[in-house]
């Protein structure tokens, strides 16, 4: 600014304290989310044998599709 002074109205914000019920709810929600995430990780984790056991079935898929195509 070029040395111009002006007065402006002031603003006061009043932030209320957090609601204890909300804090308790958020804590429970976070715990449920963590349990769900751990369950997801445990059930969707591929074991080392999963790819090899799936590969054993591929030849039968190919053989059945060849038989279906030759009919």
N, C-alpha and C. Protein backbone atom coordinates (compact mmCIF):
# COMPACT_ATOMS: atom_id res chain seq x y z
N UNK A 1 0.84 -1.17 0.00
CA UNK A 1 0.00 0.00 0.00
C UNK A 1 0.89 1.24 0.00
N UNK A 2 0.32 2.35 -0.33
CA UNK A 2 1.07 3.60 -0.43
C UNK A 2 0.96 4.44 0.84
N UNK A 3 1.08 3.82 1.99
CA UNK A 3 1.02 4.55 3.24
C UNK A 3 -0.38 4.94 3.66
N UNK A 4 -1.39 4.38 3.03
CA UNK A 4 -2.77 4.70 3.39
C UNK A 4 -3.17 3.82 4.56
N UNK A 5 -3.72 4.45 5.56
CA UNK A 5 -4.20 3.71 6.72
C UNK A 5 -5.71 3.68 6.71
N UNK A 6 -6.26 2.54 7.15
CA UNK A 6 -7.71 2.42 7.22
C UNK A 6 -8.06 1.51 8.38
N UNK A 7 -9.24 1.67 8.89
CA UNK A 7 -9.69 0.77 9.95
C UNK A 7 -10.69 -0.21 9.36
N UNK A 8 -10.60 -1.41 9.83
CA UNK A 8 -11.50 -2.46 9.35
C UNK A 8 -12.17 -3.09 10.56
N UNK A 9 -13.38 -3.58 10.37
CA UNK A 9 -14.04 -4.23 11.51
C UNK A 9 -13.32 -5.53 11.87
N UNK A 10 -13.28 -5.82 13.13
CA UNK A 10 -12.63 -7.05 13.57
C UNK A 10 -13.66 -8.17 13.66
N UNK A 11 -13.16 -9.37 13.56
CA UNK A 11 -14.02 -10.55 13.62
C UNK A 11 -13.50 -11.45 14.73
N UNK A 12 -14.40 -11.95 15.54
CA UNK A 12 -14.03 -12.87 16.61
C UNK A 12 -14.67 -14.21 16.31
N UNK A 13 -13.83 -15.23 16.22
CA UNK A 13 -14.33 -16.58 16.01
C UNK A 13 -14.37 -17.29 17.35
N UNK A 14 -15.47 -17.93 17.61
CA UNK A 14 -15.59 -18.72 18.83
C UNK A 14 -15.69 -20.18 18.41
N UNK A 15 -14.69 -20.95 18.75
CA UNK A 15 -14.67 -22.37 18.41
C UNK A 15 -15.02 -23.15 19.67
N UNK A 16 -16.16 -23.83 19.65
CA UNK A 16 -16.57 -24.57 20.84
C UNK A 16 -15.69 -25.80 21.06
N UNK A 17 -15.61 -26.29 22.28
CA UNK A 17 -14.83 -27.51 22.54
C UNK A 17 -15.49 -28.70 21.84
N UNK A 18 -14.71 -29.72 21.53
CA UNK A 18 -15.28 -30.89 20.85
C UNK A 18 -16.30 -31.62 21.74
N UNK A 19 -17.30 -32.15 21.10
CA UNK A 19 -18.35 -32.90 21.80
C UNK A 19 -17.77 -34.25 22.22
N UNK A 20 -17.82 -34.61 23.49
CA UNK A 20 -17.26 -35.89 23.93
C UNK A 20 -17.94 -37.09 23.26
N UNK A 21 -19.23 -36.97 22.96
CA UNK A 21 -19.93 -38.08 22.28
C UNK A 21 -19.38 -38.27 20.88
N UNK A 22 -19.07 -37.17 20.20
CA UNK A 22 -18.52 -37.26 18.86
C UNK A 22 -17.12 -37.87 18.89
N UNK A 23 -16.31 -37.48 19.86
CA UNK A 23 -14.97 -38.05 19.99
C UNK A 23 -15.05 -39.55 20.23
N UNK A 24 -15.99 -39.98 21.06
CA UNK A 24 -16.17 -41.41 21.33
C UNK A 24 -16.62 -42.14 20.07
N UNK A 25 -17.56 -41.55 19.33
CA UNK A 25 -18.06 -42.16 18.10
C UNK A 25 -16.93 -42.30 17.08
N UNK A 26 -16.12 -41.24 16.92
CA UNK A 26 -15.03 -41.29 15.95
C UNK A 26 -13.98 -42.32 16.34
N UNK A 27 -13.75 -42.48 17.61
CA UNK A 27 -12.81 -43.50 18.07
C UNK A 27 -13.32 -44.90 17.73
N UNK A 28 -14.61 -45.16 17.98
CA UNK A 28 -15.19 -46.46 17.64
C UNK A 28 -15.17 -46.69 16.13
N UNK A 29 -15.48 -45.65 15.37
CA UNK A 29 -15.48 -45.76 13.91
C UNK A 29 -14.07 -46.09 13.40
N UNK A 30 -13.07 -45.45 13.96
CA UNK A 30 -11.69 -45.72 13.56
C UNK A 30 -11.31 -47.17 13.89
N UNK A 31 -11.70 -47.65 15.07
CA UNK A 31 -11.40 -49.03 15.45
C UNK A 31 -12.08 -50.03 14.51
N UNK A 32 -13.33 -49.76 14.15
CA UNK A 32 -14.04 -50.65 13.22
C UNK A 32 -13.36 -50.65 11.85
N UNK A 33 -12.92 -49.48 11.41
CA UNK A 33 -12.24 -49.39 10.13
C UNK A 33 -10.94 -50.21 10.15
N UNK A 34 -10.18 -50.11 11.21
CA UNK A 34 -8.93 -50.86 11.32
C UNK A 34 -9.20 -52.37 11.32
N UNK A 35 -10.23 -52.80 12.01
CA UNK A 35 -10.59 -54.23 12.01
C UNK A 35 -10.97 -54.68 10.61
N UNK A 36 -11.74 -53.87 9.90
CA UNK A 36 -12.15 -54.20 8.54
C UNK A 36 -10.95 -54.25 7.61
N UNK A 37 -10.03 -53.30 7.76
CA UNK A 37 -8.84 -53.28 6.91
C UNK A 37 -7.98 -54.52 7.15
N UNK A 38 -7.82 -54.92 8.41
CA UNK A 38 -7.04 -56.12 8.72
C UNK A 38 -7.71 -57.37 8.16
N UNK A 39 -9.04 -57.43 8.27
CA UNK A 39 -9.77 -58.57 7.71
C UNK A 39 -9.59 -58.62 6.20
N UNK A 40 -9.69 -57.48 5.54
CA UNK A 40 -9.50 -57.41 4.08
C UNK A 40 -8.09 -57.91 3.72
N UNK A 41 -7.08 -57.41 4.42
CA UNK A 41 -5.70 -57.83 4.14
C UNK A 41 -5.54 -59.33 4.33
N UNK A 42 -6.14 -59.87 5.38
CA UNK A 42 -5.99 -61.29 5.68
C UNK A 42 -6.71 -62.16 4.65
N UNK A 43 -7.88 -61.74 4.20
CA UNK A 43 -8.65 -62.58 3.28
C UNK A 43 -8.26 -62.41 1.82
N UNK A 44 -7.63 -61.31 1.47
CA UNK A 44 -7.27 -61.07 0.07
C UNK A 44 -5.78 -61.19 -0.19
N UNK A 45 -5.07 -61.69 0.77
CA UNK A 45 -3.64 -61.90 0.58
C UNK A 45 -3.43 -63.20 -0.18
N UNK A 46 -2.69 -63.14 -1.26
CA UNK A 46 -2.42 -64.34 -2.04
C UNK A 46 -1.37 -65.19 -1.35
N UNK A 47 -1.66 -66.43 -1.19
CA UNK A 47 -0.65 -67.32 -0.64
C UNK A 47 0.31 -67.68 -1.77
N UNK A 48 1.52 -68.10 -1.46
CA UNK A 48 2.49 -68.43 -2.51
C UNK A 48 2.03 -69.56 -3.43
N UNK A 49 1.13 -70.41 -2.96
CA UNK A 49 0.69 -71.54 -3.79
C UNK A 49 -0.48 -71.20 -4.69
N UNK A 50 -1.11 -70.05 -4.50
CA UNK A 50 -2.28 -69.70 -5.30
C UNK A 50 -1.99 -69.64 -6.79
N UNK A 51 -0.94 -68.95 -7.24
CA UNK A 51 -0.69 -68.92 -8.70
C UNK A 51 -0.41 -70.30 -9.28
N UNK A 52 0.35 -71.12 -8.58
CA UNK A 52 0.67 -72.44 -9.14
C UNK A 52 -0.55 -73.35 -9.16
N UNK A 53 -1.40 -73.24 -8.13
CA UNK A 53 -2.60 -74.09 -8.15
C UNK A 53 -3.55 -73.63 -9.25
N UNK A 54 -3.60 -72.34 -9.53
CA UNK A 54 -4.44 -71.85 -10.63
C UNK A 54 -3.88 -72.28 -11.97
N UNK A 55 -2.56 -72.32 -12.10
CA UNK A 55 -1.95 -72.70 -13.38
C UNK A 55 -2.21 -74.17 -13.70
N UNK A 56 -2.43 -74.99 -12.68
CA UNK A 56 -2.73 -76.40 -12.93
C UNK A 56 -4.07 -76.57 -13.65
N UNK A 57 -4.99 -75.64 -13.46
CA UNK A 57 -6.31 -75.74 -14.07
C UNK A 57 -6.36 -75.19 -15.49
N UNK A 58 -5.38 -74.39 -15.89
CA UNK A 58 -5.40 -73.77 -17.21
C UNK A 58 -5.42 -74.80 -18.34
N UNK A 59 -4.60 -75.86 -18.31
CA UNK A 59 -4.67 -76.84 -19.41
C UNK A 59 -6.06 -77.45 -19.58
N UNK A 60 -6.76 -77.69 -18.48
CA UNK A 60 -8.10 -78.27 -18.62
C UNK A 60 -9.06 -77.26 -19.24
N UNK A 61 -8.85 -75.97 -18.98
CA UNK A 61 -9.69 -74.95 -19.61
C UNK A 61 -9.45 -74.95 -21.11
N UNK A 62 -8.18 -75.02 -21.50
CA UNK A 62 -7.83 -74.99 -22.92
C UNK A 62 -8.36 -76.24 -23.62
N UNK A 63 -8.23 -77.40 -22.97
CA UNK A 63 -8.70 -78.65 -23.58
C UNK A 63 -10.21 -78.62 -23.74
N UNK A 64 -10.92 -78.13 -22.76
CA UNK A 64 -12.39 -78.09 -22.87
C UNK A 64 -12.82 -77.09 -23.94
N UNK A 65 -12.09 -76.00 -24.10
CA UNK A 65 -12.48 -75.03 -25.13
C UNK A 65 -12.17 -75.59 -26.52
N UNK A 66 -11.10 -76.39 -26.64
CA UNK A 66 -10.81 -77.00 -27.94
C UNK A 66 -11.88 -78.02 -28.30
N UNK A 67 -12.32 -78.78 -27.30
CA UNK A 67 -13.37 -79.76 -27.56
C UNK A 67 -14.67 -79.07 -27.94
N UNK A 68 -14.98 -77.98 -27.28
CA UNK A 68 -16.22 -77.26 -27.58
C UNK A 68 -16.16 -76.64 -28.97
N UNK A 69 -14.97 -76.19 -29.39
CA UNK A 69 -14.83 -75.57 -30.70
C UNK A 69 -14.85 -76.57 -31.83
N UNK A 70 -14.46 -77.81 -31.57
CA UNK A 70 -14.41 -78.82 -32.64
C UNK A 70 -15.76 -79.48 -32.87
N UNK A 71 -16.72 -79.28 -31.98
CA UNK A 71 -18.03 -79.92 -32.13
C UNK A 71 -18.87 -79.26 -33.19
